[in-house]
């Protein structure tokens, strides 16, 4: 269990709730014995996604629900959100059997699989990395993975990403804003692999702009009800307008240590679920 997640344990205890950390693929865990199961950091699911979804279907009282998990663990959901009018980072999806060639225009772009976590199998490419980009896409396609190609939004180098965290209101069940953080740039060049489960991040607290809050609300309007939490990651486009990178409903870091009261707010959301 990540140190950040551990902050919610005493907050839950203050509400009379005992929290137990368990590993999703541990066959010894009796999942029906829990009053609720809250997904937190199963970051090894990406290469075993079908197995992970099958496991989720066997777990009663799972938050967020298995239908949400199945939808959200494949980033092709970005195409659905874009079609619904949400401002999304332009994304091209490449099937395993589809031919692909790098863009001929100047500018950098990002390659990653549609099922991924922790920035693994993700790289940043430009006109001077044509061969590396082709090799990256080919490697993912050989593994029967759908590939995503997105423009590299250079605002991340200075402004960074904004992640907005929302927790369920204990009374209404509606997602309400809790806090936000800034995530610094992470991609330095072509994919060279990641040691461990995720690439290290540089995080600090942030007060989101009104424009970022408005985009986040537009994203929330497209999501199903009954969510315990949501994280919405935004970055400015070349015109300075915030656009969606990802909406994280399955295993996002919640950055509880970066906001006073966040562990208590998350604990209250879990108590409301119970």
C-alpha atoms as a PDB file:
ATOM      1  CA  UNK A   1       0.000   0.000   0.000  1.00  0.00           C
ATOM      2  CA  UNK A   2       1.424   3.368  -1.031  1.00  0.00           C
ATOM      3  CA  UNK A   3       2.419   5.750   1.812  1.00  0.00           C
ATOM      4  CA  UNK A   4      -0.020   8.348   0.497  1.00  0.00           C
ATOM      5  CA  UNK A   5      -2.915   5.875   0.680  1.00  0.00           C
ATOM      6  CA  UNK A   6      -1.989   4.924   4.228  1.00  0.00           C
ATOM      7  CA  UNK A   7      -3.027   8.410   5.350  1.00  0.00           C
ATOM      8  CA  UNK A   8      -6.691   7.429   5.051  1.00  0.00           C
ATOM      9  CA  UNK A   9      -6.377   4.533   7.514  1.00  0.00           C
ATOM     10  CA  UNK A  10      -6.353   6.623  10.736  1.00  0.00           C
ATOM     11  CA  UNK A  11      -9.028   8.885   9.245  1.00  0.00           C
ATOM     12  CA  UNK A  12     -11.217   5.828   8.714  1.00  0.00           C
ATOM     13  CA  UNK A  13     -10.415   4.549  12.210  1.00  0.00           C
ATOM     14  CA  UNK A  14     -11.657   7.859  13.615  1.00  0.00           C
ATOM     15  CA  UNK A  15     -14.993   7.033  11.984  1.00  0.00           C
ATOM     16  CA  UNK A  16     -15.028   3.526  13.450  1.00  0.00           C
ATOM     17  CA  UNK A  17     -14.017   1.846  10.178  1.00  0.00           C
ATOM     18  CA  UNK A  18     -11.200  -0.698   9.983  1.00  0.00           C
ATOM     19  CA  UNK A  19      -9.243  -0.697   6.720  1.00  0.00           C
ATOM     20  CA  UNK A  20      -7.221  -3.712   5.590  1.00  0.00           C
ATOM     21  CA  UNK A  21      -4.692  -3.552   2.742  1.00  0.00           C
ATOM     22  CA  UNK A  22      -4.971  -6.540   0.384  1.00  0.00           C
ATOM     23  CA  UNK A  23      -3.434  -7.490  -2.960  1.00  0.00           C
ATOM     24  CA  UNK A  24      -5.919  -7.995  -5.774  1.00  0.00           C
ATOM     25  CA  UNK A  25      -4.484 -11.294  -7.059  1.00  0.00           C
ATOM     26  CA  UNK A  26      -3.866 -12.879  -3.645  1.00  0.00           C
ATOM     27  CA  UNK A  27      -5.930 -16.100  -3.705  1.00  0.00           C
ATOM     28  CA  UNK A  28      -6.043 -16.190   0.101  1.00  0.00           C
ATOM     29  CA  UNK A  29      -8.132 -13.006   0.379  1.00  0.00           C
ATOM     30  CA  UNK A  30     -11.825 -13.556   1.139  1.00  0.00           C
ATOM     31  CA  UNK A  31     -13.257 -10.565  -0.750  1.00  0.00           C
ATOM     32  CA  UNK A  32     -16.938 -11.200   0.131  1.00  0.00           C
ATOM     33  CA  UNK A  33     -16.028 -10.878   3.821  1.00  0.00           C
ATOM     34  CA  UNK A  34     -15.424  -7.115   3.426  1.00  0.00           C
ATOM     35  CA  UNK A  35     -18.209  -4.566   3.670  1.00  0.00           C
ATOM     36  CA  UNK A  36     -16.588  -2.753   0.716  1.00  0.00           C
ATOM     37  CA  UNK A  37     -13.479  -3.013  -1.439  1.00  0.00           C
ATOM     38  CA  UNK A  38     -11.881   0.244  -2.564  1.00  0.00           C
ATOM     39  CA  UNK A  39      -9.470  -0.006  -5.490  1.00  0.00           C
ATOM     40  CA  UNK A  40      -6.317   1.967  -4.850  1.00  0.00           C
ATOM     41  CA  UNK A  41      -2.989   1.022  -6.438  1.00  0.00           C
ATOM     42  CA  UNK A  42      -3.187  -2.195  -8.519  1.00  0.00           C
ATOM     43  CA  UNK A  43      -0.635  -0.799 -10.987  1.00  0.00           C
ATOM     44  CA  UNK A  44       0.480  -4.203 -12.216  1.00  0.00           C
ATOM     45  CA  UNK A  45      -2.851  -4.790 -13.969  1.00  0.00           C
ATOM     46  CA  UNK A  46      -1.907  -3.294 -17.348  1.00  0.00           C
ATOM     47  CA  UNK A  47      -0.259  -6.402 -18.803  1.00  0.00           C
ATOM     48  CA  UNK A  48      -2.962  -8.606 -17.229  1.00  0.00           C
ATOM     49  CA  UNK A  49      -5.971  -6.411 -17.809  1.00  0.00           C
ATOM     50  CA  UNK A  50      -8.424  -9.168 -18.809  1.00  0.00           C
ATOM     51  CA  UNK A  51      -7.483 -11.140 -15.699  1.00  0.00           C
ATOM     52  CA  UNK A  52      -7.904  -7.989 -13.603  1.00  0.00           C
ATOM     53  CA  UNK A  53     -11.400  -7.339 -14.967  1.00  0.00           C
ATOM     54  CA  UNK A  54     -12.408 -10.972 -14.365  1.00  0.00           C
ATOM     55  CA  UNK A  55     -11.210 -10.602 -10.773  1.00  0.00           C
ATOM     56  CA  UNK A  56     -13.178  -7.363 -10.372  1.00  0.00           C
ATOM     57  CA  UNK A  57     -16.351  -9.120 -11.518  1.00  0.00           C
ATOM     58  CA  UNK A  58     -15.986 -11.575  -8.632  1.00  0.00           C
ATOM     59  CA  UNK A  59     -15.631  -8.863  -5.967  1.00  0.00           C
ATOM     60  CA  UNK A  60     -18.868  -7.679  -4.360  1.00  0.00           C
ATOM     61  CA  UNK A  61     -19.265  -4.048  -3.316  1.00  0.00           C
ATOM     62  CA  UNK A  62     -16.308  -2.829  -5.394  1.00  0.00           C
ATOM     63  CA  UNK A  63     -15.555   0.896  -5.698  1.00  0.00           C
ATOM     64  CA  UNK A  64     -15.357   2.022  -8.308  1.00  0.00           C
ATOM     65  CA  UNK A  65     -17.609  -0.594  -9.932  1.00  0.00           C
ATOM     66  CA  UNK A  66     -16.420  -3.288 -12.315  1.00  0.00           C
ATOM     67  CA  UNK A  67     -18.249  -1.715 -15.272  1.00  0.00           C
ATOM     68  CA  UNK A  68     -16.345   1.505 -14.614  1.00  0.00           C
ATOM     69  CA  UNK A  69     -13.106  -0.458 -14.260  1.00  0.00           C
ATOM     70  CA  UNK A  70     -13.590  -2.209 -17.590  1.00  0.00           C
ATOM     71  CA  UNK A  71     -14.358   1.061 -19.376  1.00  0.00           C
ATOM     72  CA  UNK A  72     -11.673   3.165 -17.720  1.00  0.00           C
ATOM     73  CA  UNK A  73      -8.739   0.767 -18.015  1.00  0.00           C
ATOM     74  CA  UNK A  74      -8.727   1.160 -21.805  1.00  0.00           C
ATOM     75  CA  UNK A  75      -7.949   4.737 -22.838  1.00  0.00           C
ATOM     76  CA  UNK A  76     -10.049   4.410 -25.959  1.00  0.00           C
ATOM     77  CA  UNK A  77     -12.687   5.997 -23.718  1.00  0.00           C
ATOM     78  CA  UNK A  78     -11.036   9.295 -24.710  1.00  0.00           C
ATOM     79  CA  UNK A  79     -12.613   8.911 -28.143  1.00  0.00           C
ATOM     80  CA  UNK A  80     -16.051   8.603 -26.547  1.00  0.00           C
ATOM     81  CA  UNK A  81     -15.514  11.685 -24.404  1.00  0.00           C
ATOM     82  CA  UNK A  82     -14.284  13.689 -27.383  1.00  0.00           C
ATOM     83  CA  UNK A  83     -17.400  12.664 -29.331  1.00  0.00           C
ATOM     84  CA  UNK A  84     -19.549  13.912 -26.433  1.00  0.00           C
ATOM     85  CA  UNK A  85     -17.981  17.373 -26.664  1.00  0.00           C
ATOM     86  CA  UNK A  86     -15.311  17.200 -23.944  1.00  0.00           C
ATOM     87  CA  UNK A  87     -12.087  19.000 -24.989  1.00  0.00           C
ATOM     88  CA  UNK A  88      -9.661  16.087 -25.238  1.00  0.00           C
ATOM     89  CA  UNK A  89      -6.023  15.973 -26.305  1.00  0.00           C
ATOM     90  CA  UNK A  90      -6.170  14.920 -29.990  1.00  0.00           C
ATOM     91  CA  UNK A  91      -5.581  11.168 -30.051  1.00  0.00           C
ATOM     92  CA  UNK A  92      -5.048   8.660 -32.846  1.00  0.00           C
ATOM     93  CA  UNK A  93      -5.604   4.983 -32.026  1.00  0.00           C
ATOM     94  CA  UNK A  94      -3.707   2.356 -34.011  1.00  0.00           C
ATOM     95  CA  UNK A  95      -4.919  -1.244 -34.054  1.00  0.00           C
ATOM     96  CA  UNK A  96      -2.385  -4.090 -33.805  1.00  0.00           C
ATOM     97  CA  UNK A  97      -2.795  -4.915 -37.516  1.00  0.00           C
ATOM     98  CA  UNK A  98      -2.824  -1.313 -38.760  1.00  0.00           C
ATOM     99  CA  UNK A  99       0.030   0.320 -40.668  1.00  0.00           C
ATOM    100  CA  UNK A 100       1.461   3.478 -39.101  1.00  0.00           C
ATOM    101  CA  UNK A 101       4.071   6.009 -40.126  1.00  0.00           C
ATOM    102  CA  UNK A 102       5.315   8.939 -38.016  1.00  0.00           C
ATOM    103  CA  UNK A 103       3.915  12.413 -38.696  1.00  0.00           C
ATOM    104  CA  UNK A 104       5.758  14.331 -41.391  1.00  0.00           C
ATOM    105  CA  UNK A 105       5.137  17.736 -39.791  1.00  0.00           C
ATOM    106  CA  UNK A 106       7.495  19.258 -37.244  1.00  0.00           C
ATOM    107  CA  UNK A 107       6.581  18.895 -33.621  1.00  0.00           C
ATOM    108  CA  UNK A 108       6.821  16.237 -30.959  1.00  0.00           C
ATOM    109  CA  UNK A 109       4.356  13.494 -30.142  1.00  0.00           C
ATOM    110  CA  UNK A 110       3.759  10.813 -27.519  1.00  0.00           C
ATOM    111  CA  UNK A 111       3.350   7.084 -28.113  1.00  0.00           C
ATOM    112  CA  UNK A 112       1.845   4.740 -25.521  1.00  0.00           C
ATOM    113  CA  UNK A 113      -0.500   1.741 -25.316  1.00  0.00           C
ATOM    114  CA  UNK A 114      -4.190   2.323 -24.690  1.00  0.00           C
ATOM    115  CA  UNK A 115      -3.972  -0.002 -21.688  1.00  0.00           C
ATOM    116  CA  UNK A 116      -1.180   1.244 -19.471  1.00  0.00           C
ATOM    117  CA  UNK A 117      -0.356   2.672 -16.059  1.00  0.00           C
ATOM    118  CA  UNK A 118       2.502   4.559 -14.448  1.00  0.00           C
ATOM    119  CA  UNK A 119       3.798   5.995 -17.753  1.00  0.00           C
ATOM    120  CA  UNK A 120       5.203   2.589 -18.665  1.00  0.00           C
ATOM    121  CA  UNK A 121       5.742   1.844 -22.387  1.00  0.00           C
ATOM    122  CA  UNK A 122       5.412   5.574 -23.049  1.00  0.00           C
ATOM    123  CA  UNK A 123       7.811   7.733 -25.056  1.00  0.00           C
ATOM    124  CA  UNK A 124       8.259  11.211 -26.517  1.00  0.00           C
ATOM    125  CA  UNK A 125       9.369  11.519 -30.124  1.00  0.00           C
ATOM    126  CA  UNK A 126      10.184  14.160 -32.713  1.00  0.00           C
ATOM    127  CA  UNK A 127      11.370  14.357 -36.321  1.00  0.00           C
ATOM    128  CA  UNK A 128      14.796  13.056 -35.297  1.00  0.00           C
ATOM    129  CA  UNK A 129      13.369   9.889 -33.723  1.00  0.00           C
ATOM    130  CA  UNK A 130      11.505   8.398 -36.680  1.00  0.00           C
ATOM    131  CA  UNK A 131      13.102   4.943 -36.452  1.00  0.00           C
ATOM    132  CA  UNK A 132      12.678   4.758 -32.677  1.00  0.00           C
ATOM    133  CA  UNK A 133       9.005   5.723 -32.985  1.00  0.00           C
ATOM    134  CA  UNK A 134       8.323   3.073 -35.612  1.00  0.00           C
ATOM    135  CA  UNK A 135      10.083   0.475 -33.465  1.00  0.00           C
ATOM    136  CA  UNK A 136       8.037   1.482 -30.402  1.00  0.00           C
ATOM    137  CA  UNK A 137       4.714   1.161 -32.236  1.00  0.00           C
ATOM    138  CA  UNK A 138       5.779  -2.142 -33.815  1.00  0.00           C
ATOM    139  CA  UNK A 139       6.788  -3.568 -30.441  1.00  0.00           C
ATOM    140  CA  UNK A 140       3.411  -2.740 -28.926  1.00  0.00           C
ATOM    141  CA  UNK A 141       1.563  -4.101 -31.956  1.00  0.00           C
ATOM    142  CA  UNK A 142       3.483  -7.382 -31.776  1.00  0.00           C
ATOM    143  CA  UNK A 143       2.119  -7.721 -28.255  1.00  0.00           C
ATOM    144  CA  UNK A 144      -1.410  -7.214 -29.673  1.00  0.00           C
ATOM    145  CA  UNK A 145      -1.810  -3.847 -27.941  1.00  0.00           C
ATOM    146  CA  UNK A 146      -3.735  -0.868 -29.287  1.00  0.00           C
ATOM    147  CA  UNK A 147      -1.397   2.129 -29.621  1.00  0.00           C
ATOM    148  CA  UNK A 148      -2.149   5.800 -28.909  1.00  0.00           C
ATOM    149  CA  UNK A 149      -0.406   8.727 -30.595  1.00  0.00           C
ATOM    150  CA  UNK A 150      -0.923  12.233 -29.193  1.00  0.00           C
ATOM    151  CA  UNK A 151       0.789  15.567 -29.782  1.00  0.00           C
ATOM    152  CA  UNK A 152       3.291  16.466 -27.077  1.00  0.00           C
ATOM    153  CA  UNK A 153       1.809  19.530 -25.409  1.00  0.00           C
ATOM    154  CA  UNK A 154       4.850  21.601 -24.503  1.00  0.00           C
ATOM    155  CA  UNK A 155       3.033  23.524 -21.750  1.00  0.00           C
ATOM    156  CA  UNK A 156       3.824  20.544 -19.529  1.00  0.00           C
ATOM    157  CA  UNK A 157       7.471  21.660 -19.520  1.00  0.00           C
ATOM    158  CA  UNK A 158       6.617  24.898 -17.696  1.00  0.00           C
ATOM    159  CA  UNK A 159       3.043  24.857 -16.439  1.00  0.00           C
ATOM    160  CA  UNK A 160       2.869  21.098 -15.874  1.00  0.00           C
ATOM    161  CA  UNK A 161      -0.245  18.948 -15.625  1.00  0.00           C
ATOM    162  CA  UNK A 162      -3.129  19.728 -13.304  1.00  0.00           C
ATOM    163  CA  UNK A 163      -4.823  16.804 -11.579  1.00  0.00           C
ATOM    164  CA  UNK A 164      -8.179  17.605  -9.953  1.00  0.00           C
ATOM    165  CA  UNK A 165      -9.411  15.208  -7.276  1.00  0.00           C
ATOM    166  CA  UNK A 166     -13.096  14.586  -6.579  1.00  0.00           C
ATOM    167  CA  UNK A 167     -14.624  12.491  -3.786  1.00  0.00           C
ATOM    168  CA  UNK A 168     -18.220  11.436  -3.255  1.00  0.00           C
ATOM    169  CA  UNK A 169     -20.228  13.651  -0.930  1.00  0.00           C
ATOM    170  CA  UNK A 170     -21.340  11.431   1.990  1.00  0.00           C
ATOM    171  CA  UNK A 171     -24.860  12.893   1.959  1.00  0.00           C
ATOM    172  CA  UNK A 172     -25.695  13.101  -1.734  1.00  0.00           C
ATOM    173  CA  UNK A 173     -23.193  10.682  -3.277  1.00  0.00           C
ATOM    174  CA  UNK A 174     -22.350  13.347  -5.851  1.00  0.00           C
ATOM    175  CA  UNK A 175     -18.688  13.919  -6.681  1.00  0.00           C
ATOM    176  CA  UNK A 176     -17.413  17.172  -5.207  1.00  0.00           C
ATOM    177  CA  UNK A 177     -14.041  18.860  -5.611  1.00  0.00           C
ATOM    178  CA  UNK A 178     -11.478  18.056  -2.920  1.00  0.00           C
ATOM    179  CA  UNK A 179      -8.085  19.387  -4.056  1.00  0.00           C
ATOM    180  CA  UNK A 180      -5.678  19.664  -6.957  1.00  0.00           C
ATOM    181  CA  UNK A 181      -1.980  19.114  -7.615  1.00  0.00           C
ATOM    182  CA  UNK A 182       0.606  20.046 -10.210  1.00  0.00           C
ATOM    183  CA  UNK A 183       2.553  17.247 -11.841  1.00  0.00           C
ATOM    184  CA  UNK A 184       5.849  18.178 -13.476  1.00  0.00           C
ATOM    185  CA  UNK A 185       7.119  16.945 -16.874  1.00  0.00           C
ATOM    186  CA  UNK A 186       8.022  13.263 -17.045  1.00  0.00           C
ATOM    187  CA  UNK A 187       8.797  12.373 -20.666  1.00  0.00           C
ATOM    188  CA  UNK A 188      12.347  13.221 -21.717  1.00  0.00           C
ATOM    189  CA  UNK A 189      12.541  11.235 -24.949  1.00  0.00           C
ATOM    190  CA  UNK A 190      11.971   7.800 -26.495  1.00  0.00           C
ATOM    191  CA  UNK A 191      10.795   4.964 -24.298  1.00  0.00           C
ATOM    192  CA  UNK A 192      13.697   3.310 -22.489  1.00  0.00           C
ATOM    193  CA  UNK A 193      11.639   1.386 -19.959  1.00  0.00           C
ATOM    194  CA  UNK A 194      10.633   2.083 -16.365  1.00  0.00           C
ATOM    195  CA  UNK A 195      12.044   0.366 -13.309  1.00  0.00           C
ATOM    196  CA  UNK A 196       9.305  -0.602 -10.893  1.00  0.00           C
ATOM    197  CA  UNK A 197       5.578  -0.032 -11.297  1.00  0.00           C
ATOM    198  CA  UNK A 198       5.644   3.628 -12.324  1.00  0.00           C
ATOM    199  CA  UNK A 199       7.869   6.517 -13.357  1.00  0.00           C
ATOM    200  CA  UNK A 200       8.753   8.878 -10.462  1.00  0.00           C
ATOM    201  CA  UNK A 201       6.710  12.090 -10.355  1.00  0.00           C
ATOM    202  CA  UNK A 202       7.316  15.640  -9.122  1.00  0.00           C
ATOM    203  CA  UNK A 203       4.173  16.750  -7.287  1.00  0.00           C
ATOM    204  CA  UNK A 204       3.121  19.986  -5.607  1.00  0.00           C
ATOM    205  CA  UNK A 205      -0.169  21.475  -4.467  1.00  0.00           C
ATOM    206  CA  UNK A 206      -2.050  23.664  -6.957  1.00  0.00           C
ATOM    207  CA  UNK A 207      -5.098  25.912  -6.982  1.00  0.00           C
ATOM    208  CA  UNK A 208      -6.897  25.130 -10.256  1.00  0.00           C
ATOM    209  CA  UNK A 209      -8.064  27.907 -12.552  1.00  0.00           C
ATOM    210  CA  UNK A 210     -11.731  28.540 -13.248  1.00  0.00           C
ATOM    211  CA  UNK A 211     -11.174  27.241 -16.787  1.00  0.00           C
ATOM    212  CA  UNK A 212      -9.735  23.987 -15.435  1.00  0.00           C
ATOM    213  CA  UNK A 213     -12.637  23.575 -13.039  1.00  0.00           C
ATOM    214  CA  UNK A 214     -15.095  24.147 -15.886  1.00  0.00           C
ATOM    215  CA  UNK A 215     -13.485  21.466 -18.060  1.00  0.00           C
ATOM    216  CA  UNK A 216     -13.432  19.064 -15.125  1.00  0.00           C
ATOM    217  CA  UNK A 217     -17.144  19.672 -14.533  1.00  0.00           C
ATOM    218  CA  UNK A 218     -17.806  18.974 -18.220  1.00  0.00           C
ATOM    219  CA  UNK A 219     -15.977  15.666 -17.842  1.00  0.00           C
ATOM    220  CA  UNK A 220     -17.946  14.778 -14.703  1.00  0.00           C
ATOM    221  CA  UNK A 221     -21.197  15.352 -16.573  1.00  0.00           C
ATOM    222  CA  UNK A 222     -20.307  12.480 -18.925  1.00  0.00           C
ATOM    223  CA  UNK A 223     -19.480   9.960 -16.183  1.00  0.00           C
ATOM    224  CA  UNK A 224     -21.815   7.416 -14.576  1.00  0.00           C
ATOM    225  CA  UNK A 225     -23.224   7.953 -11.115  1.00  0.00           C
ATOM    226  CA  UNK A 226     -22.180   6.074  -8.027  1.00  0.00           C
ATOM    227  CA  UNK A 227     -18.479   6.895  -8.225  1.00  0.00           C
ATOM    228  CA  UNK A 228     -16.437   7.025  -5.017  1.00  0.00           C
ATOM    229  CA  UNK A 229     -13.648   9.101  -6.533  1.00  0.00           C
ATOM    230  CA  UNK A 230     -12.384  10.550  -9.790  1.00  0.00           C
ATOM    231  CA  UNK A 231      -9.172  12.203 -10.876  1.00  0.00           C
ATOM    232  CA  UNK A 232      -9.195  14.454 -13.928  1.00  0.00           C
ATOM    233  CA  UNK A 233      -5.835  15.269 -15.526  1.00  0.00           C
ATOM    234  CA  UNK A 234      -5.611  18.415 -17.661  1.00  0.00           C
ATOM    235  CA  UNK A 235      -2.929  20.313 -19.565  1.00  0.00           C
ATOM    236  CA  UNK A 236      -3.036  23.553 -21.605  1.00  0.00           C
ATOM    237  CA  UNK A 237      -3.197  23.144 -25.380  1.00  0.00           C
ATOM    238  CA  UNK A 238      -1.119  25.427 -27.676  1.00  0.00           C
ATOM    239  CA  UNK A 239      -3.756  28.155 -27.254  1.00  0.00           C
ATOM    240  CA  UNK A 240      -3.630  27.921 -23.469  1.00  0.00           C
ATOM    241  CA  UNK A 241      -6.991  26.171 -23.084  1.00  0.00           C
ATOM    242  CA  UNK A 242      -7.119  23.179 -20.708  1.00  0.00           C
ATOM    243  CA  UNK A 243      -7.739  19.836 -22.395  1.00  0.00           C
ATOM    244  CA  UNK A 244      -8.236  16.386 -20.943  1.00  0.00           C
ATOM    245  CA  UNK A 245      -5.321  13.963 -20.806  1.00  0.00           C
ATOM    246  CA  UNK A 246      -7.019  11.257 -18.770  1.00  0.00           C
ATOM    247  CA  UNK A 247      -9.893  10.694 -16.373  1.00  0.00           C
ATOM    248  CA  UNK A 248      -8.729   8.226 -13.735  1.00  0.00           C
ATOM    249  CA  UNK A 249     -11.467   6.122 -12.124  1.00  0.00           C
ATOM    250  CA  UNK A 250      -9.650   2.858 -11.392  1.00  0.00           C
ATOM    251  CA  UNK A 251      -6.270   3.270  -9.699  1.00  0.00           C
ATOM    252  CA  UNK A 252      -5.243   6.929  -9.503  1.00  0.00           C
ATOM    253  CA  UNK A 253      -2.868   8.355  -6.967  1.00  0.00           C
ATOM    254  CA  UNK A 254      -5.031  10.668  -4.859  1.00  0.00           C
ATOM    255  CA  UNK A 255      -2.179  12.814  -3.497  1.00  0.00           C
ATOM    256  CA  UNK A 256      -3.785  12.974  -0.063  1.00  0.00           C
ATOM    257  CA  UNK A 257      -0.617  14.359   1.522  1.00  0.00           C
ATOM    258  CA  UNK A 258      -0.790  17.508  -0.608  1.00  0.00           C
ATOM    259  CA  UNK A 259      -4.012  18.919   0.869  1.00  0.00           C
ATOM    260  CA  UNK A 260      -4.971  19.476   4.498  1.00  0.00           C
ATOM    261  CA  UNK A 261      -8.113  17.519   5.231  1.00  0.00           C
ATOM    262  CA  UNK A 262      -7.942  15.332   2.119  1.00  0.00           C
ATOM    263  CA  UNK A 263      -7.549  12.060   4.063  1.00  0.00           C
ATOM    264  CA  UNK A 264     -10.583  12.968   6.179  1.00  0.00           C
ATOM    265  CA  UNK A 265     -12.612  13.888   3.104  1.00  0.00           C
ATOM    266  CA  UNK A 266     -11.756  10.594   1.418  1.00  0.00           C
ATOM    267  CA  UNK A 267     -12.580   8.683   4.606  1.00  0.00           C
ATOM    268  CA  UNK A 268     -15.940  10.439   4.808  1.00  0.00           C
ATOM    269  CA  UNK A 269     -16.654   9.428   1.199  1.00  0.00           C
ATOM    270  CA  UNK A 270     -15.898   5.793   2.029  1.00  0.00           C
ATOM    271  CA  UNK A 271     -18.088   6.019   5.129  1.00  0.00           C
ATOM    272  CA  UNK A 272     -20.899   7.352   2.963  1.00  0.00           C
ATOM    273  CA  UNK A 273     -20.440   4.367   0.643  1.00  0.00           C
ATOM    274  CA  UNK A 274     -20.770   1.987   3.577  1.00  0.00           C
END
